[in-house]
Amino acid sequence: MAVKPKRLPTLERLMKGRRSIRKYLRKRISKAMLTRVLKAAYYAPSGADRSGYQLVVVGDPKIKSEIRESCEAADATWHSNATPWLKKWLKMKGITHIKPFLDDAPYLICVFGDNTTPYWLGSTWLGVAYMLLAAEREGLATLTYTPGKSRFLQKLLNVKSHMIPIVILPIGFADERIPAKRIKRGTIVYFDRVSKKQGMDLGAS
């Protein structure tokens, strides 16, 4: 009997299903899965087709622990200096300066933007977006984590000074379930000009 090919999820399903995961299983992921996610970044559009970013994948437990220690120190200060509304939101979400996912996730993809290339910041985030969807397709969880301070990553990971730390992506198998994302009612887009008559509520259906 012929084996039916695996049906791939639609783009809409990938976008709805991808959520920010902060709890990870201490379970390895295959090199093939990781490679497919990394390749996705370089399929993304970029300024002058330069792919103005650098990816450093950290799997060494010792280096991950060093990253966690520095991030938690920086985030403790960031949390204490946050505005009242943000402190309230962080508390509601259970987000603190303690970051176990930096140890638990099997890999951390550290993303650096090359500020010598055109449109480097936008290009870098486009590459990140492609990786997020590729990870979701692989059945992997991710989080776009931006520490309170991140310049330490340059020295720790032997990255040149013009490569600016942008985001850390822990990647692995989720140890929590979060419902699929929904677009909030009242999310309005406009056609031609901003006008009540020209608006469409994307969250209405």
C-alpha atoms as a PDB file:
ATOM      1  CA  MET A   1       0.000   0.000   0.000  1.00  0.00           C
ATOM      2  CA  ALA A   2       1.342   3.400  -0.977  1.00  0.00           C
ATOM      3  CA  VAL A   3       2.060   5.801   1.884  1.00  0.00           C
ATOM      4  CA  LYS A   4       0.214   9.082   1.530  1.00  0.00           C
ATOM      5  CA  PRO A   5       2.501  12.130   1.628  1.00  0.00           C
ATOM      6  CA  LYS A   6       2.268  14.181   4.804  1.00  0.00           C
ATOM      7  CA  ARG A   7      -0.086  17.107   4.360  1.00  0.00           C
ATOM      8  CA  LEU A   8       1.646  20.367   5.183  1.00  0.00           C
ATOM      9  CA  PRO A   9      -0.125  22.977   7.316  1.00  0.00           C
ATOM     10  CA  THR A  10      -1.425  26.066   5.582  1.00  0.00           C
ATOM     11  CA  LEU A  11       0.322  29.394   6.062  1.00  0.00           C
ATOM     12  CA  GLU A  12      -2.695  30.680   8.007  1.00  0.00           C
ATOM     13  CA  ARG A  13      -2.527  27.722  10.382  1.00  0.00           C
ATOM     14  CA  LEU A  14       1.185  28.289  10.959  1.00  0.00           C
ATOM     15  CA  MET A  15       0.649  31.972  11.723  1.00  0.00           C
ATOM     16  CA  LYS A  16      -2.253  31.307  14.085  1.00  0.00           C
ATOM     17  CA  GLY A  17      -0.521  28.439  15.862  1.00  0.00           C
ATOM     18  CA  ARG A  18       2.846  30.094  16.492  1.00  0.00           C
ATOM     19  CA  ARG A  19       2.902  31.461  20.046  1.00  0.00           C
ATOM     20  CA  SER A  20       5.594  32.776  22.363  1.00  0.00           C
ATOM     21  CA  ILE A  21       6.709  29.790  24.460  1.00  0.00           C
ATOM     22  CA  ARG A  22       8.650  30.211  27.701  1.00  0.00           C
ATOM     23  CA  LYS A  23       8.630  26.590  28.901  1.00  0.00           C
ATOM     24  CA  TYR A  24      10.676  23.979  27.019  1.00  0.00           C
ATOM     25  CA  LEU A  25      11.293  20.262  27.324  1.00  0.00           C
ATOM     26  CA  ARG A  26      14.925  19.336  27.874  1.00  0.00           C
ATOM     27  CA  LYS A  27      14.798  17.273  24.715  1.00  0.00           C
ATOM     28  CA  ARG A  28      17.187  17.450  21.789  1.00  0.00           C
ATOM     29  CA  ILE A  29      16.016  18.368  18.321  1.00  0.00           C
ATOM     30  CA  SER A  30      17.508  16.924  15.167  1.00  0.00           C
ATOM     31  CA  LYS A  31      20.208  18.752  13.253  1.00  0.00           C
ATOM     32  CA  ALA A  32      18.069  18.459  10.127  1.00  0.00           C
ATOM     33  CA  MET A  33      15.146  20.283  11.765  1.00  0.00           C
ATOM     34  CA  LEU A  34      17.422  23.003  13.073  1.00  0.00           C
ATOM     35  CA  THR A  35      19.100  23.420   9.671  1.00  0.00           C
ATOM     36  CA  ARG A  36      15.759  23.875   7.899  1.00  0.00           C
ATOM     37  CA  VAL A  37      14.830  26.630  10.358  1.00  0.00           C
ATOM     38  CA  LEU A  38      18.168  28.407   9.884  1.00  0.00           C
ATOM     39  CA  LYS A  39      17.956  28.198   6.083  1.00  0.00           C
ATOM     40  CA  ALA A  40      14.556  29.897   6.210  1.00  0.00           C
ATOM     41  CA  ALA A  41      16.188  33.147   7.353  1.00  0.00           C
ATOM     42  CA  TYR A  42      18.166  33.351   4.135  1.00  0.00           C
ATOM     43  CA  TYR A  43      15.089  32.926   1.955  1.00  0.00           C
ATOM     44  CA  ALA A  44      13.690  36.157   3.416  1.00  0.00           C
ATOM     45  CA  PRO A  45      13.850  39.411   1.429  1.00  0.00           C
ATOM     46  CA  SER A  46      16.601  41.796   2.541  1.00  0.00           C
ATOM     47  CA  GLY A  47      18.013  45.209   1.653  1.00  0.00           C
ATOM     48  CA  ALA A  48      20.105  44.986  -1.541  1.00  0.00           C
ATOM     49  CA  ASP A  49      19.799  41.194  -1.194  1.00  0.00           C
ATOM     50  CA  ARG A  50      22.620  41.319   1.379  1.00  0.00           C
ATOM     51  CA  SER A  51      21.002  39.278   4.204  1.00  0.00           C
ATOM     52  CA  GLY A  52      22.382  41.775   6.682  1.00  0.00           C
ATOM     53  CA  TYR A  53      22.491  39.533   9.733  1.00  0.00           C
ATOM     54  CA  GLN A  54      24.520  36.816  11.389  1.00  0.00           C
ATOM     55  CA  LEU A  55      23.194  33.803  13.265  1.00  0.00           C
ATOM     56  CA  VAL A  56      25.091  32.156  16.099  1.00  0.00           C
ATOM     57  CA  VAL A  57      23.538  28.920  17.367  1.00  0.00           C
ATOM     58  CA  VAL A  58      24.409  28.151  20.977  1.00  0.00           C
ATOM     59  CA  GLY A  59      23.979  24.593  22.236  1.00  0.00           C
ATOM     60  CA  ASP A  60      26.816  24.389  24.766  1.00  0.00           C
ATOM     61  CA  PRO A  61      25.194  24.220  28.249  1.00  0.00           C
ATOM     62  CA  LYS A  62      27.993  26.275  29.803  1.00  0.00           C
ATOM     63  CA  ILE A  63      27.623  29.119  27.306  1.00  0.00           C
ATOM     64  CA  LYS A  64      23.839  29.007  27.639  1.00  0.00           C
ATOM     65  CA  SER A  65      24.193  29.358  31.409  1.00  0.00           C
ATOM     66  CA  GLU A  66      26.499  32.363  30.938  1.00  0.00           C
ATOM     67  CA  ILE A  67      23.930  33.949  28.643  1.00  0.00           C
ATOM     68  CA  ARG A  68      21.172  33.305  31.167  1.00  0.00           C
ATOM     69  CA  GLU A  69      23.158  34.818  34.035  1.00  0.00           C
ATOM     70  CA  SER A  70      23.887  38.021  32.105  1.00  0.00           C
ATOM     71  CA  CYS A  71      20.339  38.306  30.778  1.00  0.00           C
ATOM     72  CA  GLU A  72      18.756  37.848  34.189  1.00  0.00           C
ATOM     73  CA  ALA A  73      20.989  40.514  35.709  1.00  0.00           C
ATOM     74  CA  ALA A  74      20.069  42.961  32.950  1.00  0.00           C
ATOM     75  CA  ASP A  75      16.372  42.097  33.083  1.00  0.00           C
ATOM     76  CA  ALA A  76      16.202  42.553  36.863  1.00  0.00           C
ATOM     77  CA  THR A  77      17.155  46.204  36.312  1.00  0.00           C
ATOM     78  CA  TRP A  78      14.839  46.534  33.312  1.00  0.00           C
ATOM     79  CA  HIS A  79      11.857  45.163  35.270  1.00  0.00           C
ATOM     80  CA  SER A  80      12.501  47.491  38.208  1.00  0.00           C
ATOM     81  CA  ASN A  81      12.591  50.500  35.846  1.00  0.00           C
ATOM     82  CA  ALA A  82       9.479  49.528  33.875  1.00  0.00           C
ATOM     83  CA  THR A  83       6.486  51.874  33.812  1.00  0.00           C
ATOM     84  CA  PRO A  84       3.545  51.014  36.136  1.00  0.00           C
ATOM     85  CA  TRP A  85       1.293  49.771  33.330  1.00  0.00           C
ATOM     86  CA  LEU A  86       4.058  47.531  32.006  1.00  0.00           C
ATOM     87  CA  LYS A  87       4.819  46.127  35.458  1.00  0.00           C
ATOM     88  CA  LYS A  88       1.116  45.307  35.811  1.00  0.00           C
ATOM     89  CA  TRP A  89       1.055  43.579  32.409  1.00  0.00           C
ATOM     90  CA  LEU A  90       4.221  41.589  33.165  1.00  0.00           C
ATOM     91  CA  LYS A  91       2.765  40.439  36.484  1.00  0.00           C
ATOM     92  CA  MET A  92      -0.500  39.412  34.802  1.00  0.00           C
ATOM     93  CA  LYS A  93       1.464  37.350  32.260  1.00  0.00           C
ATOM     94  CA  GLY A  94       3.732  35.846  34.933  1.00  0.00           C
ATOM     95  CA  ILE A  95       6.834  37.241  33.233  1.00  0.00           C
ATOM     96  CA  THR A  96       9.760  37.907  35.579  1.00  0.00           C
ATOM     97  CA  HIS A  97      13.497  38.463  35.171  1.00  0.00           C
ATOM     98  CA  ILE A  98      14.062  34.728  35.740  1.00  0.00           C
ATOM     99  CA  LYS A  99      14.629  33.047  32.354  1.00  0.00           C
ATOM    100  CA  PRO A 100      14.824  29.235  32.653  1.00  0.00           C
ATOM    101  CA  PHE A 101      14.141  28.837  28.930  1.00  0.00           C
ATOM    102  CA  LEU A 102      17.691  30.009  28.236  1.00  0.00           C
ATOM    103  CA  ASP A 103      18.918  26.799  29.882  1.00  0.00           C
ATOM    104  CA  ASP A 104      16.050  24.464  29.020  1.00  0.00           C
ATOM    105  CA  ALA A 105      15.751  25.013  25.262  1.00  0.00           C
ATOM    106  CA  PRO A 106      18.288  22.811  23.452  1.00  0.00           C
ATOM    107  CA  TYR A 107      19.474  25.692  21.274  1.00  0.00           C
ATOM    108  CA  LEU A 108      19.548  29.467  21.396  1.00  0.00           C
ATOM    109  CA  ILE A 109      19.661  31.208  18.024  1.00  0.00           C
ATOM    110  CA  CYS A 110      21.386  34.525  18.675  1.00  0.00           C
ATOM    111  CA  VAL A 111      20.586  36.960  15.892  1.00  0.00           C
ATOM    112  CA  PHE A 112      22.882  39.896  15.082  1.00  0.00           C
ATOM    113  CA  GLY A 113      22.192  42.688  12.591  1.00  0.00           C
ATOM    114  CA  ASP A 114      25.002  43.966  10.387  1.00  0.00           C
ATOM    115  CA  ASN A 115      24.773  47.757  10.620  1.00  0.00           C
ATOM    116  CA  THR A 116      27.101  48.200   7.635  1.00  0.00           C
ATOM    117  CA  THR A 117      24.470  46.837   5.238  1.00  0.00           C
ATOM    118  CA  PRO A 118      21.450  48.684   3.805  1.00  0.00           C
ATOM    119  CA  TYR A 119      18.144  48.421   5.684  1.00  0.00           C
ATOM    120  CA  TRP A 120      19.814  46.016   8.082  1.00  0.00           C
ATOM    121  CA  LEU A 121      17.313  46.228  10.932  1.00  0.00           C
ATOM    122  CA  GLY A 122      14.227  45.547   8.849  1.00  0.00           C
ATOM    123  CA  SER A 123      16.070  42.821   6.958  1.00  0.00           C
ATOM    124  CA  THR A 124      17.080  41.146  10.208  1.00  0.00           C
ATOM    125  CA  TRP A 125      13.531  41.032  11.512  1.00  0.00           C
ATOM    126  CA  LEU A 126      12.260  39.638   8.216  1.00  0.00           C
ATOM    127  CA  GLY A 127      14.795  36.819   8.572  1.00  0.00           C
ATOM    128  CA  VAL A 128      13.574  36.223  12.125  1.00  0.00           C
ATOM    129  CA  ALA A 129       9.946  36.085  10.962  1.00  0.00           C
ATOM    130  CA  TYR A 130      10.775  33.435   8.384  1.00  0.00           C
ATOM    131  CA  MET A 131      12.536  31.349  11.042  1.00  0.00           C
ATOM    132  CA  LEU A 132       9.543  31.590  13.374  1.00  0.00           C
ATOM    133  CA  LEU A 133       7.222  30.143  10.745  1.00  0.00           C
ATOM    134  CA  ALA A 134       9.750  27.487   9.733  1.00  0.00           C
ATOM    135  CA  ALA A 135      10.084  26.407  13.364  1.00  0.00           C
ATOM    136  CA  GLU A 136       6.306  26.162  13.698  1.00  0.00           C
ATOM    137  CA  ARG A 137       6.178  23.987  10.595  1.00  0.00           C
ATOM    138  CA  GLU A 138       8.760  21.668  12.190  1.00  0.00           C
ATOM    139  CA  GLY A 139       6.596  21.373  15.317  1.00  0.00           C
ATOM    140  CA  LEU A 140       9.076  23.426  17.337  1.00  0.00           C
ATOM    141  CA  ALA A 141       8.470  26.264  19.770  1.00  0.00           C
ATOM    142  CA  THR A 142      10.170  29.666  19.801  1.00  0.00           C
ATOM    143  CA  LEU A 143      10.243  32.981  21.611  1.00  0.00           C
ATOM    144  CA  THR A 144      11.507  36.371  20.400  1.00  0.00           C
ATOM    145  CA  TYR A 145      13.430  37.275  23.536  1.00  0.00           C
ATOM    146  CA  THR A 146      15.147  40.675  23.757  1.00  0.00           C
ATOM    147  CA  PRO A 147      17.213  41.050  26.950  1.00  0.00           C
ATOM    148  CA  GLY A 148      17.437  44.361  28.787  1.00  0.00           C
ATOM    149  CA  LYS A 149      21.079  44.555  27.681  1.00  0.00           C
ATOM    150  CA  SER A 150      22.633  42.405  24.999  1.00  0.00           C
ATOM    151  CA  ARG A 151      26.002  43.839  23.972  1.00  0.00           C
ATOM    152  CA  PHE A 152      27.716  41.231  26.166  1.00  0.00           C
ATOM    153  CA  LEU A 153      26.812  38.686  23.471  1.00  0.00           C
ATOM    154  CA  GLN A 154      29.353  40.197  21.094  1.00  0.00           C
ATOM    155  CA  LYS A 155      32.298  39.423  23.374  1.00  0.00           C
ATOM    156  CA  LEU A 156      30.944  36.118  24.647  1.00  0.00           C
ATOM    157  CA  LEU A 157      30.268  34.753  21.155  1.00  0.00           C
ATOM    158  CA  ASN A 158      33.254  36.386  19.422  1.00  0.00           C
ATOM    159  CA  VAL A 159      31.079  38.595  17.214  1.00  0.00           C
ATOM    160  CA  LYS A 160      32.419  41.780  15.588  1.00  0.00           C
ATOM    161  CA  SER A 161      31.349  45.187  16.908  1.00  0.00           C
ATOM    162  CA  HIS A 162      29.304  46.128  13.831  1.00  0.00           C
ATOM    163  CA  MET A 163      27.095  43.096  14.404  1.00  0.00           C
ATOM    164  CA  ILE A 164      24.384  44.400  16.720  1.00  0.00           C
ATOM    165  CA  PRO A 165      22.580  41.889  18.995  1.00  0.00           C
ATOM    166  CA  ILE A 166      18.895  41.958  18.059  1.00  0.00           C
ATOM    167  CA  VAL A 167      17.130  38.949  19.552  1.00  0.00           C
ATOM    168  CA  ILE A 168      17.662  35.526  21.126  1.00  0.00           C
ATOM    169  CA  LEU A 169      15.424  32.731  19.825  1.00  0.00           C
ATOM    170  CA  PRO A 170      15.234  29.725  22.144  1.00  0.00           C
ATOM    171  CA  ILE A 171      14.091  26.792  20.031  1.00  0.00           C
ATOM    172  CA  GLY A 172      12.910  23.344  21.041  1.00  0.00           C
ATOM    173  CA  PHE A 173       9.832  21.346  22.001  1.00  0.00           C
ATOM    174  CA  ALA A 174       7.207  23.204  24.016  1.00  0.00           C
ATOM    175  CA  ASP A 175       6.393  22.235  27.592  1.00  0.00           C
ATOM    176  CA  GLU A 176       3.238  24.342  27.639  1.00  0.00           C
ATOM    177  CA  ARG A 177       0.165  24.811  25.462  1.00  0.00           C
ATOM    178  CA  ILE A 178      -1.161  28.205  24.451  1.00  0.00           C
ATOM    179  CA  PRO A 179      -4.348  28.607  22.378  1.00  0.00           C
ATOM    180  CA  ALA A 180      -4.039  29.676  18.764  1.00  0.00           C
ATOM    181  CA  LYS A 181      -3.796  33.404  18.207  1.00  0.00           C
ATOM    182  CA  ARG A 182      -6.887  35.426  17.333  1.00  0.00           C
ATOM    183  CA  ILE A 183      -7.039  38.907  15.863  1.00  0.00           C
ATOM    184  CA  LYS A 184      -8.668  41.280  18.343  1.00  0.00           C
ATOM    185  CA  ARG A 185     -11.982  42.879  17.396  1.00  0.00           C
ATOM    186  CA  GLY A 186     -11.440  46.520  16.557  1.00  0.00           C
ATOM    187  CA  THR A 187      -8.230  45.861  14.617  1.00  0.00           C
ATOM    188  CA  ILE A 188      -8.990  48.243  11.781  1.00  0.00           C
ATOM    189  CA  VAL A 189      -7.252  48.624   8.433  1.00  0.00           C
ATOM    190  CA  TYR A 190      -8.122  51.404   6.015  1.00  0.00           C
ATOM    191  CA  PHE A 191      -8.350  51.687   2.250  1.00  0.00           C
ATOM    192  CA  ASP A 192      -7.070  54.814   0.502  1.00  0.00           C
ATOM    193  CA  ARG A 193      -7.343  57.055   3.588  1.00  0.00           C
ATOM    194  CA  VAL A 194      -8.186  56.884   7.288  1.00  0.00           C
ATOM    195  CA  SER A 195     -11.955  57.212   7.464  1.00  0.00           C
ATOM    196  CA  LYS A 196     -14.757  55.391   9.279  1.00  0.00           C
ATOM    197  CA  LYS A 197     -16.282  54.629   5.906  1.00  0.00           C
ATOM    198  CA  GLN A 198     -13.018  53.201   4.589  1.00  0.00           C
ATOM    199  CA  GLY A 199     -12.210  50.914   7.533  1.00  0.00           C
ATOM    200  CA  MET A 200     -12.425  47.134   7.803  1.00  0.00           C
ATOM    201  CA  ASP A 201     -12.379  45.278  11.117  1.00  0.00           C
ATOM    202  CA  LEU A 202     -10.048  42.306  10.633  1.00  0.00           C
ATOM    203  CA  GLY A 203     -11.133  40.773  13.944  1.00  0.00           C
ATOM    204  CA  ALA A 204     -14.843  40.756  13.130  1.00  0.00           C
ATOM    205  CA  SER A 205     -14.803  37.306  11.521  1.00  0.00           C
END
